[in-house]
Amino acid sequence: ILGSLREMAFIAKAEVATWPLFGMLAKLQRTVFI
């Protein structure tokens, strides 16, 4: 929802990077993993 409104990047927990498909999508939108 937020990503559809404006150009922005997200801060996500590190586990998201390992999720099937969604981890790849998060990396491609330049997410910072913490």
Full PDB file with SEQRES, HELIX, SHEET, SSBOND, CRYST1, ORIGX, SCALE, CONECT and MASTER records, all heavy atoms in Angstrom:
SEQRES   1 A   34  ILE LEU GLY SER LEU ARG GLU MET ALA PHE ILE ALA LYS          
SEQRES   2 A   34  ALA GLU VAL ALA THR TRP PRO LEU PHE GLY MET LEU ALA          
SEQRES   3 A   34  LYS LEU GLN ARG THR VAL PHE ILE                              
HELIX    1 AA1 LEU A    2  LEU A    5  1                                   4    
HELIX    2 AA2 ALA A   14  THR A   18  5                                   5    
HELIX    3 AA3 PHE A   22  LEU A   28  1                                   7    
SHEET    1 AA1 2 ILE A  11  ALA A  12  0                                        
SHEET    2 AA1 2 VAL A  32  PHE A  33  1                                        
CRYST1    1.000    1.000    1.000  90.00  90.00  90.00 P 1           1          
ORIGX1      1.000000  0.000000  0.000000        0.00000                         
ORIGX2      0.000000  1.000000  0.000000        0.00000                         
ORIGX3      0.000000  0.000000  1.000000        0.00000                         
SCALE1      1.000000  0.000000  0.000000        0.00000                         
SCALE2      0.000000  1.000000  0.000000        0.00000                         
SCALE3      0.000000  0.000000  1.000000        0.00000                         
ATOM      1  N   ILE A   1       0.830  -1.208   0.000  1.00  0.00           N  
ATOM      2  CA  ILE A   1       0.000   0.000   0.000  1.00  0.00           C  
ATOM      3  C   ILE A   1       0.865   1.258   0.000  1.00  0.00           C  
ATOM      4  O   ILE A   1       0.682   2.157  -0.829  1.00  0.00           O  
ATOM      5  CB  ILE A   1      -0.948  -0.019   1.216  1.00  0.00           C  
ATOM      6  CG1 ILE A   1      -2.023  -1.084   1.002  1.00  0.00           C  
ATOM      7  CG2 ILE A   1      -1.591   1.345   1.438  1.00  0.00           C  
ATOM      8  CD1 ILE A   1      -2.767  -1.463   2.250  1.00  0.00           C  
ATOM      9  N   LEU A   2       1.833   1.335   0.918  1.00  0.00           N  
ATOM     10  CA  LEU A   2       2.689   2.514   0.960  1.00  0.00           C  
ATOM     11  C   LEU A   2       3.539   2.625  -0.307  1.00  0.00           C  
ATOM     12  O   LEU A   2       3.711   3.713  -0.870  1.00  0.00           O  
ATOM     13  CB  LEU A   2       3.593   2.462   2.193  1.00  0.00           C  
ATOM     14  CG  LEU A   2       2.924   2.657   3.551  1.00  0.00           C  
ATOM     15  CD1 LEU A   2       3.955   2.548   4.664  1.00  0.00           C  
ATOM     16  CD2 LEU A   2       2.202   3.996   3.630  1.00  0.00           C  
ATOM     17  N   GLY A   3       4.051   1.500  -0.759  1.00  0.00           N  
ATOM     18  CA  GLY A   3       4.894   1.506  -1.948  1.00  0.00           C  
ATOM     19  C   GLY A   3       4.162   1.908  -3.209  1.00  0.00           C  
ATOM     20  O   GLY A   3       4.792   2.338  -4.184  1.00  0.00           O  
ATOM     21  N   SER A   4       2.844   1.789  -3.200  1.00  0.00           N  
ATOM     22  CA  SER A   4       2.056   2.172  -4.376  1.00  0.00           C  
ATOM     23  C   SER A   4       1.796   3.673  -4.432  1.00  0.00           C  
ATOM     24  O   SER A   4       1.376   4.192  -5.467  1.00  0.00           O  
ATOM     25  CB  SER A   4       0.712   1.433  -4.377  1.00  0.00           C  
ATOM     26  OG  SER A   4      -0.156   1.931  -3.365  1.00  0.00           O  
ATOM     27  N   LEU A   5       2.042   4.373  -3.324  1.00  0.00           N  
ATOM     28  CA  LEU A   5       1.697   5.795  -3.241  1.00  0.00           C  
ATOM     29  C   LEU A   5       2.827   6.710  -3.683  1.00  0.00           C  
ATOM     30  O   LEU A   5       2.595   7.693  -4.388  1.00  0.00           O  
ATOM     31  CB  LEU A   5       1.291   6.143  -1.807  1.00  0.00           C  
ATOM     32  CG  LEU A   5       0.037   5.453  -1.282  1.00  0.00           C  
ATOM     33  CD1 LEU A   5      -0.159   5.791   0.198  1.00  0.00           C  
ATOM     34  CD2 LEU A   5      -1.187   5.852  -2.085  1.00  0.00           C  
ATOM     35  N   ARG A   6       4.039   6.400  -3.246  1.00  0.00           N  
ATOM     36  CA  ARG A   6       5.177   7.261  -3.539  1.00  0.00           C  
ATOM     37  C   ARG A   6       6.438   6.399  -3.673  1.00  0.00           C  
ATOM     38  O   ARG A   6       6.466   5.252  -3.244  1.00  0.00           O  
ATOM     39  CB  ARG A   6       5.399   8.294  -2.419  1.00  0.00           C  
ATOM     40  CG  ARG A   6       4.246   9.245  -2.195  1.00  0.00           C  
ATOM     41  CD  ARG A   6       4.089  10.261  -3.312  1.00  0.00           C  
ATOM     42  NE  ARG A   6       3.038  11.219  -3.018  1.00  0.00           N  
ATOM     43  CZ  ARG A   6       1.753  11.051  -3.316  1.00  0.00           C  
ATOM     44  NH1 ARG A   6       1.357   9.928  -3.908  1.00  0.00           N  
ATOM     45  NH2 ARG A   6       0.871  11.983  -3.017  1.00  0.00           N  
ATOM     46  N   GLU A   7       7.480   6.978  -4.224  1.00  0.00           N  
ATOM     47  CA  GLU A   7       8.760   6.282  -4.289  1.00  0.00           C  
ATOM     48  C   GLU A   7       9.394   6.317  -2.906  1.00  0.00           C  
ATOM     49  O   GLU A   7       9.646   7.391  -2.354  1.00  0.00           O  
ATOM     50  CB  GLU A   7       9.669   6.950  -5.317  1.00  0.00           C  
ATOM     51  CG  GLU A   7       9.143   6.832  -6.744  1.00  0.00           C  
ATOM     52  CD  GLU A   7      10.005   7.580  -7.748  1.00  0.00           C  
ATOM     53  OE1 GLU A   7      10.981   8.225  -7.303  1.00  0.00           O  
ATOM     54  OE2 GLU A   7       9.709   7.533  -8.943  1.00  0.00           O  
ATOM     55  N   MET A   8       9.644   5.135  -2.332  1.00  0.00           N  
ATOM     56  CA  MET A   8      10.217   5.039  -0.997  1.00  0.00           C  
ATOM     57  C   MET A   8      10.883   3.691  -0.841  1.00  0.00           C  
ATOM     58  O   MET A   8      10.657   2.764  -1.633  1.00  0.00           O  
ATOM     59  CB  MET A   8       9.140   5.239   0.077  1.00  0.00           C  
ATOM     60  CG  MET A   8       7.993   4.258  -0.012  1.00  0.00           C  
ATOM     61  SD  MET A   8       6.679   4.569   1.237  1.00  0.00           S  
ATOM     62  CE  MET A   8       5.956   6.100   0.670  1.00  0.00           C  
ATOM     63  N   ALA A   9      11.725   3.564   0.172  1.00  0.00           N  
ATOM     64  CA  ALA A   9      12.382   2.299   0.480  1.00  0.00           C  
ATOM     65  C   ALA A   9      12.031   1.904   1.911  1.00  0.00           C  
ATOM     66  O   ALA A   9      11.642   2.751   2.725  1.00  0.00           O  
ATOM     67  CB  ALA A   9      13.891   2.422   0.303  1.00  0.00           C  
ATOM     68  N   PHE A  10      12.194   0.622   2.220  1.00  0.00           N  
ATOM     69  CA  PHE A  10      11.727   0.096   3.497  1.00  0.00           C  
ATOM     70  C   PHE A  10      12.866  -0.472   4.335  1.00  0.00           C  
ATOM     71  O   PHE A  10      13.904  -0.889   3.810  1.00  0.00           O  
ATOM     72  CB  PHE A  10      10.678  -0.985   3.255  1.00  0.00           C  
ATOM     73  CG  PHE A  10       9.421  -0.472   2.606  1.00  0.00           C  
ATOM     74  CD1 PHE A  10       9.326  -0.386   1.223  1.00  0.00           C  
ATOM     75  CD2 PHE A  10       8.346  -0.035   3.364  1.00  0.00           C  
ATOM     76  CE1 PHE A  10       8.181   0.107   0.608  1.00  0.00           C  
ATOM     77  CE2 PHE A  10       7.202   0.460   2.766  1.00  0.00           C  
ATOM     78  CZ  PHE A  10       7.129   0.526   1.379  1.00  0.00           C  
ATOM     79  N   ILE A  11      12.634  -0.468   5.640  1.00  0.00           N  
ATOM     80  CA  ILE A  11      13.536  -1.093   6.595  1.00  0.00           C  
ATOM     81  C   ILE A  11      12.815  -2.331   7.113  1.00  0.00           C  
ATOM     82  O   ILE A  11      11.695  -2.243   7.628  1.00  0.00           O  
ATOM     83  CB  ILE A  11      13.857  -0.130   7.754  1.00  0.00           C  
ATOM     84  CG1 ILE A  11      14.490   1.162   7.211  1.00  0.00           C  
ATOM     85  CG2 ILE A  11      14.778  -0.793   8.772  1.00  0.00           C  
ATOM     86  CD1 ILE A  11      14.524   2.301   8.231  1.00  0.00           C  
ATOM     87  N   ALA A  12      13.442  -3.517   6.959  1.00  0.00           N  
ATOM     88  CA  ALA A  12      12.770  -4.769   7.317  1.00  0.00           C  
ATOM     89  C   ALA A  12      13.686  -5.630   8.171  1.00  0.00           C  
ATOM     90  O   ALA A  12      14.919  -5.485   8.134  1.00  0.00           O  
ATOM     91  CB  ALA A  12      12.356  -5.521   6.057  1.00  0.00           C  
ATOM     92  N   LYS A  13      13.091  -6.545   8.903  1.00  0.00           N  
ATOM     93  CA  LYS A  13      13.887  -7.475   9.705  1.00  0.00           C  
ATOM     94  C   LYS A  13      14.659  -8.417   8.783  1.00  0.00           C  
ATOM     95  O   LYS A  13      14.225  -8.719   7.658  1.00  0.00           O  
ATOM     96  CB  LYS A  13      12.989  -8.258  10.656  1.00  0.00           C  
ATOM     97  CG  LYS A  13      11.896  -9.077   9.993  1.00  0.00           C  
ATOM     98  CD  LYS A  13      11.016  -9.742  11.035  1.00  0.00           C  
ATOM     99  CE  LYS A  13       9.907 -10.579  10.370  1.00  0.00           C  
ATOM    100  NZ  LYS A  13       9.030 -11.213  11.376  1.00  0.00           N  
ATOM    101  N   ALA A  14      15.798  -8.884   9.256  1.00  0.00           N  
ATOM    102  CA  ALA A  14      16.716  -9.651   8.426  1.00  0.00           C  
ATOM    103  C   ALA A  14      16.093 -10.930   7.879  1.00  0.00           C  
ATOM    104  O   ALA A  14      16.435 -11.367   6.775  1.00  0.00           O  
ATOM    105  CB  ALA A  14      17.976  -9.981   9.230  1.00  0.00           C  
ATOM    106  N   GLU A  15      15.162 -11.536   8.621  1.00  0.00           N  
ATOM    107  CA  GLU A  15      14.558 -12.797   8.173  1.00  0.00           C  
ATOM    108  C   GLU A  15      13.828 -12.654   6.842  1.00  0.00           C  
ATOM    109  O   GLU A  15      13.700 -13.613   6.081  1.00  0.00           O  
ATOM    110  CB  GLU A  15      13.559 -13.313   9.217  1.00  0.00           C  
ATOM    111  CG  GLU A  15      14.153 -13.525  10.596  1.00  0.00           C  
ATOM    112  CD  GLU A  15      13.968 -12.299  11.476  1.00  0.00           C  
ATOM    113  OE1 GLU A  15      14.803 -11.384  11.359  1.00  0.00           O  
ATOM    114  OE2 GLU A  15      13.002 -12.270  12.262  1.00  0.00           O  
ATOM    115  N   VAL A  16      13.328 -11.441   6.566  1.00  0.00           N  
ATOM    116  CA  VAL A  16      12.577 -11.233   5.326  1.00  0.00           C  
ATOM    117  C   VAL A  16      13.442 -11.561   4.115  1.00  0.00           C  
ATOM    118  O   VAL A  16      12.949 -12.081   3.107  1.00  0.00           O  
ATOM    119  CB  VAL A  16      12.067  -9.775   5.247  1.00  0.00           C  
ATOM    120  CG1 VAL A  16      11.423  -9.492   3.889  1.00  0.00           C  
ATOM    121  CG2 VAL A  16      11.065  -9.509   6.362  1.00  0.00           C  
ATOM    122  N   ALA A  17      14.732 -11.307   4.211  1.00  0.00           N  
ATOM    123  CA  ALA A  17      15.637 -11.549   3.085  1.00  0.00           C  
ATOM    124  C   ALA A  17      15.698 -13.024   2.713  1.00  0.00           C  
ATOM    125  O   ALA A  17      16.039 -13.374   1.575  1.00  0.00           O  
ATOM    126  CB  ALA A  17      17.032 -11.031   3.411  1.00  0.00           C  
ATOM    127  N   THR A  18      15.352 -13.912   3.649  1.00  0.00           N  
ATOM    128  CA  THR A  18      15.428 -15.360   3.391  1.00  0.00           C  
ATOM    129  C   THR A  18      14.097 -15.946   2.927  1.00  0.00           C  
ATOM    130  O   THR A  18      14.045 -17.126   2.574  1.00  0.00           O  
ATOM    131  CB  THR A  18      15.879 -16.106   4.659  1.00  0.00           C  
ATOM    132  OG1 THR A  18      14.867 -15.984   5.690  1.00  0.00           O  
ATOM    133  CG2 THR A  18      17.181 -15.530   5.193  1.00  0.00           C  
ATOM    134  N   TRP A  19      13.045 -15.163   2.933  1.00  0.00           N  
ATOM    135  CA  TRP A  19      11.741 -15.693   2.533  1.00  0.00           C  
ATOM    136  C   TRP A  19      11.713 -16.017   1.044  1.00  0.00           C  
ATOM    137  O   TRP A  19      12.253 -15.260   0.224  1.00  0.00           O  
ATOM    138  CB  TRP A  19      10.636 -14.684   2.838  1.00  0.00           C  
ATOM    139  CG  TRP A  19      10.370 -14.457   4.289  1.00  0.00           C  
ATOM    140  CD1 TRP A  19      10.938 -15.101   5.350  1.00  0.00           C  
ATOM    141  CD2 TRP A  19       9.486 -13.488   4.848  1.00  0.00           C  
ATOM    142  NE1 TRP A  19      10.468 -14.597   6.526  1.00  0.00           N  
ATOM    143  CE2 TRP A  19       9.572 -13.607   6.248  1.00  0.00           C  
ATOM    144  CE3 TRP A  19       8.644 -12.529   4.294  1.00  0.00           C  
ATOM    145  CZ2 TRP A  19       8.830 -12.811   7.105  1.00  0.00           C  
ATOM    146  CZ3 TRP A  19       7.901 -11.729   5.145  1.00  0.00           C  
ATOM    147  CH2 TRP A  19       7.990 -11.872   6.526  1.00  0.00           C  
ATOM    148  N   PRO A  20      11.067 -17.135   0.673  1.00  0.00           N  
ATOM    149  CA  PRO A  20      10.918 -17.438  -0.751  1.00  0.00           C  
ATOM    150  C   PRO A  20      10.123 -16.329  -1.453  1.00  0.00           C  
ATOM    151  O   PRO A  20       9.130 -15.842  -0.923  1.00  0.00           O  
ATOM    152  CB  PRO A  20      10.123 -18.762  -0.746  1.00  0.00           C  
ATOM    153  CG  PRO A  20      10.365 -19.346   0.606  1.00  0.00           C  
ATOM    154  CD  PRO A  20      10.503 -18.178   1.537  1.00  0.00           C  
ATOM    155  N   LEU A  21      10.529 -15.933  -2.606  1.00  0.00           N  
ATOM    156  CA  LEU A  21       9.906 -14.937  -3.464  1.00  0.00           C  
ATOM    157  C   LEU A  21       9.883 -13.547  -2.829  1.00  0.00           C  
ATOM    158  O   LEU A  21      10.429 -12.594  -3.372  1.00  0.00           O  
ATOM    159  CB  LEU A  21       8.473 -15.341  -3.846  1.00  0.00           C  
ATOM    160  CG  LEU A  21       7.725 -14.353  -4.764  1.00  0.00           C  
ATOM    161  CD1 LEU A  21       8.450 -14.165  -6.077  1.00  0.00           C  
ATOM    162  CD2 LEU A  21       6.291 -14.806  -4.989  1.00  0.00           C  
ATOM    163  N   PHE A  22       9.261 -13.409  -1.644  1.00  0.00           N  
ATOM    164  CA  PHE A  22       9.120 -12.095  -1.027  1.00  0.00           C  
ATOM    165  C   PHE A  22      10.477 -11.531  -0.599  1.00  0.00           C  
ATOM    166  O   PHE A  22      10.675 -10.317  -0.607  1.00  0.00           O  
ATOM    167  CB  PHE A  22       8.149 -12.159   0.157  1.00  0.00           C  
ATOM    168  CG  PHE A  22       6.718 -12.244  -0.273  1.00  0.00           C  
ATOM    169  CD1 PHE A  22       6.132 -13.472  -0.535  1.00  0.00           C  
ATOM    170  CD2 PHE A  22       5.945 -11.105  -0.446  1.00  0.00           C  
ATOM    171  CE1 PHE A  22       4.808 -13.563  -0.953  1.00  0.00           C  
ATOM    172  CE2 PHE A  22       4.630 -11.176  -0.861  1.00  0.00           C  
ATOM    173  CZ  PHE A  22       4.057 -12.408  -1.120  1.00  0.00           C  
ATOM    174  N   GLY A  23      11.415 -12.408  -0.230  1.00  0.00           N  
ATOM    175  CA  GLY A  23      12.753 -11.951   0.089  1.00  0.00           C  
ATOM    176  C   GLY A  23      13.444 -11.363  -1.136  1.00  0.00           C  
ATOM    177  O   GLY A  23      14.093 -10.326  -1.064  1.00  0.00           O  
ATOM    178  N   MET A  24      13.258 -12.037  -2.282  1.00  0.00           N  
ATOM    179  CA  MET A  24      13.829 -11.533  -3.524  1.00  0.00           C  
ATOM    180  C   MET A  24      13.205 -10.199  -3.907  1.00  0.00           C  
ATOM    181  O   MET A  24      13.908  -9.259  -4.310  1.00  0.00           O  
ATOM    182  CB  MET A  24      13.599 -12.540  -4.649  1.00  0.00           C  
ATOM    183  CG  MET A  24      14.081 -12.072  -6.016  1.00  0.00           C  
ATOM    184  SD  MET A  24      13.571 -13.168  -7.347  1.00  0.00           S  
ATOM    185  CE  MET A  24      11.776 -12.900  -7.333  1.00  0.00           C  
ATOM    186  N   LEU A  25      11.890 -10.091  -3.775  1.00  0.00           N  
ATOM    187  CA  LEU A  25      11.210  -8.843  -4.107  1.00  0.00           C  
ATOM    188  C   LEU A  25      11.686  -7.705  -3.206  1.00  0.00           C  
ATOM    189  O   LEU A  25      11.869  -6.572  -3.658  1.00  0.00           O  
ATOM    190  CB  LEU A  25       9.695  -9.021  -3.983  1.00  0.00           C  
ATOM    191  CG  LEU A  25       9.038  -9.993  -4.969  1.00  0.00           C  
ATOM    192  CD1 LEU A  25       7.549 -10.152  -4.657  1.00  0.00           C  
ATOM    193  CD2 LEU A  25       9.234  -9.533  -6.403  1.00  0.00           C  
ATOM    194  N   ALA A  26      11.889  -8.016  -1.921  1.00  0.00           N  
ATOM    195  CA  ALA A  26      12.359  -6.993  -0.982  1.00  0.00           C  
ATOM    196  C   ALA A  26      13.750  -6.496  -1.373  1.00  0.00           C  
ATOM    197  O   ALA A  26      14.034  -5.293  -1.319  1.00  0.00           O  
ATOM    198  CB  ALA A  26      12.375  -7.551   0.439  1.00  0.00           C  
ATOM    199  N   LYS A  27      14.617  -7.403  -1.782  1.00  0.00           N  
ATOM    200  CA  LYS A  27      15.967  -7.003  -2.194  1.00  0.00           C  
ATOM    201  C   LYS A  27      15.924  -6.131  -3.441  1.00  0.00           C  
ATOM    202  O   LYS A  27      16.673  -5.151  -3.556  1.00  0.00           O  
ATOM    203  CB  LYS A  27      16.812  -8.246  -2.455  1.00  0.00           C  
ATOM    204  CG  LYS A  27      17.136  -9.055  -1.211  1.00  0.00           C  
ATOM    205  CD  LYS A  27      17.843 -10.342  -1.565  1.00  0.00           C  
ATOM    206  CE  LYS A  27      18.078 -11.202  -0.321  1.00  0.00           C  
ATOM    207  NZ  LYS A  27      18.709 -12.500  -0.660  1.00  0.00           N  
ATOM    208  N   LEU A  28      15.043  -6.474  -4.374  1.00  0.00           N  
ATOM    209  CA  LEU A  28      14.962  -5.727  -5.623  1.00  0.00           C  
ATOM    210  C   LEU A  28      14.396  -4.318  -5.433  1.00  0.00           C  
ATOM    211  O   LEU A  28      14.572  -3.460  -6.301  1.00  0.00           O  
ATOM    212  CB  LEU A  28      14.117  -6.498  -6.640  1.00  0.00           C  
ATOM    213  CG  LEU A  28      14.765  -7.770  -7.209  1.00  0.00           C  
ATOM    214  CD1 LEU A  28      13.799  -8.502  -8.119  1.00  0.00           C  
ATOM    215  CD2 LEU A  28      16.062  -7.440  -7.950  1.00  0.00           C  
ATOM    216  N   GLN A  29      13.693  -4.098  -4.314  1.00  0.00           N  
ATOM    217  CA  GLN A  29      13.201  -2.738  -4.081  1.00  0.00           C  
ATOM    218  C   GLN A  29      14.098  -1.995  -3.090  1.00  0.00           C  
ATOM    219  O   GLN A  29      13.709  -1.003  -2.507  1.00  0.00           O  
ATOM    220  CB  GLN A  29      11.759  -2.755  -3.599  1.00  0.00           C  
ATOM    221  CG  GLN A  29      11.533  -3.323  -2.215  1.00  0.00           C  
ATOM    222  CD  GLN A  29      10.074  -3.233  -1.817  1.00  0.00           C  
ATOM    223  OE1 GLN A  29       9.181  -3.467  -2.619  1.00  0.00           O  
ATOM    224  NE2 GLN A  29       9.822  -2.875  -0.578  1.00  0.00           N  
ATOM    225  N   ARG A  30      15.337  -2.501  -2.951  1.00  0.00           N  
ATOM    226  CA  ARG A  30      16.388  -1.799  -2.215  1.00  0.00           C  
ATOM    227  C   ARG A  30      16.078  -1.664  -0.725  1.00  0.00           C  
ATOM    228  O   ARG A  30      16.346  -0.657  -0.094  1.00  0.00           O  
ATOM    229  CB  ARG A  30      16.642  -0.431  -2.845  1.00  0.00           C  
ATOM    230  CG  ARG A  30      16.992  -0.509  -4.314  1.00  0.00           C  
ATOM    231  CD  ARG A  30      16.934   0.832  -5.031  1.00  0.00           C  
ATOM    232  NE  ARG A  30      17.881   1.766  -4.478  1.00  0.00           N  
ATOM    233  CZ  ARG A  30      17.522   2.929  -3.939  1.00  0.00           C  
ATOM    234  NH1 ARG A  30      16.250   3.278  -3.871  1.00  0.00           N  
ATOM    235  NH2 ARG A  30      18.427   3.750  -3.483  1.00  0.00           N  
ATOM    236  N   THR A  31      15.520  -2.728  -0.159  1.00  0.00           N  
ATOM    237  CA  THR A  31      15.204  -2.760   1.269  1.00  0.00           C  
ATOM    238  C   THR A  31      16.484  -2.835   2.102  1.00  0.00           C  
ATOM    239  O   THR A  31      17.455  -3.493   1.714  1.00  0.00           O  
ATOM    240  CB  THR A  31      14.310  -3.977   1.583  1.00  0.00           C  
ATOM    241  OG1 THR A  31      13.070  -3.848   0.879  1.00  0.00           O  
ATOM    242  CG2 THR A  31      14.033  -4.109   3.071  1.00  0.00           C  
ATOM    243  N   VAL A  32      16.484  -2.168   3.244  1.00  0.00           N  
ATOM    244  CA  VAL A  32      17.574  -2.287   4.214  1.00  0.00           C  
ATOM    245  C   VAL A  32      17.156  -3.318   5.255  1.00  0.00           C  
ATOM    246  O   VAL A  32      16.110  -3.170   5.904  1.00  0.00           O  
ATOM    247  CB  VAL A  32      17.865  -0.939   4.907  1.00  0.00           C  
ATOM    248  CG1 VAL A  32      18.891  -1.123   6.022  1.00  0.00           C  
ATOM    249  CG2 VAL A  32      18.374   0.076   3.890  1.00  0.00           C  
ATOM    250  N   PHE A  33      17.954  -4.371   5.415  1.00  0.00           N  
ATOM    251  CA  PHE A  33      17.620  -5.441   6.356  1.00  0.00           C  
ATOM    252  C   PHE A  33      18.390  -5.244   7.656  1.00  0.00           C  
ATOM    253  O   PHE A  33      19.592  -4.947   7.647  1.00  0.00           O  
ATOM    254  CB  PHE A  33      17.965  -6.805   5.751  1.00  0.00           C  
ATOM    255  CG  PHE A  33      17.208  -7.106   4.489  1.00  0.00           C  
ATOM    256  CD1 PHE A  33      17.815  -6.976   3.257  1.00  0.00           C  
ATOM    257  CD2 PHE A  33      15.882  -7.497   4.542  1.00  0.00           C  
ATOM    258  CE1 PHE A  33      17.122  -7.240   2.086  1.00  0.00           C  
ATOM    259  CE2 PHE A  33      15.173  -7.763   3.381  1.00  0.00           C  
ATOM    260  CZ  PHE A  33      15.782  -7.636   2.151  1.00  0.00           C  
ATOM    261  N   ILE A  34      17.693  -5.417   8.765  1.00  0.00           N  
ATOM    262  CA  ILE A  34      18.312  -5.185  10.073  1.00  0.00           C  
ATOM    263  C   ILE A  34      18.072  -6.375  10.994  1.00  0.00           C  
ATOM    264  O   ILE A  34      17.098  -7.112  10.846  1.00  0.00           O  
ATOM    265  CB  ILE A  34      17.755  -3.906  10.741  1.00  0.00           C  
ATOM    266  CG1 ILE A  34      16.238  -4.028  10.925  1.00  0.00           C  
ATOM    267  CG2 ILE A  34      18.110  -2.671   9.935  1.00  0.00           C  
ATOM    268  CD1 ILE A  34      15.656  -2.938  11.765  1.00  0.00           C  
TER     269      ILE A  34                                                      
MASTER        0    0    0    3    2    0    0    6  268    1    0    3          
END                                                                             
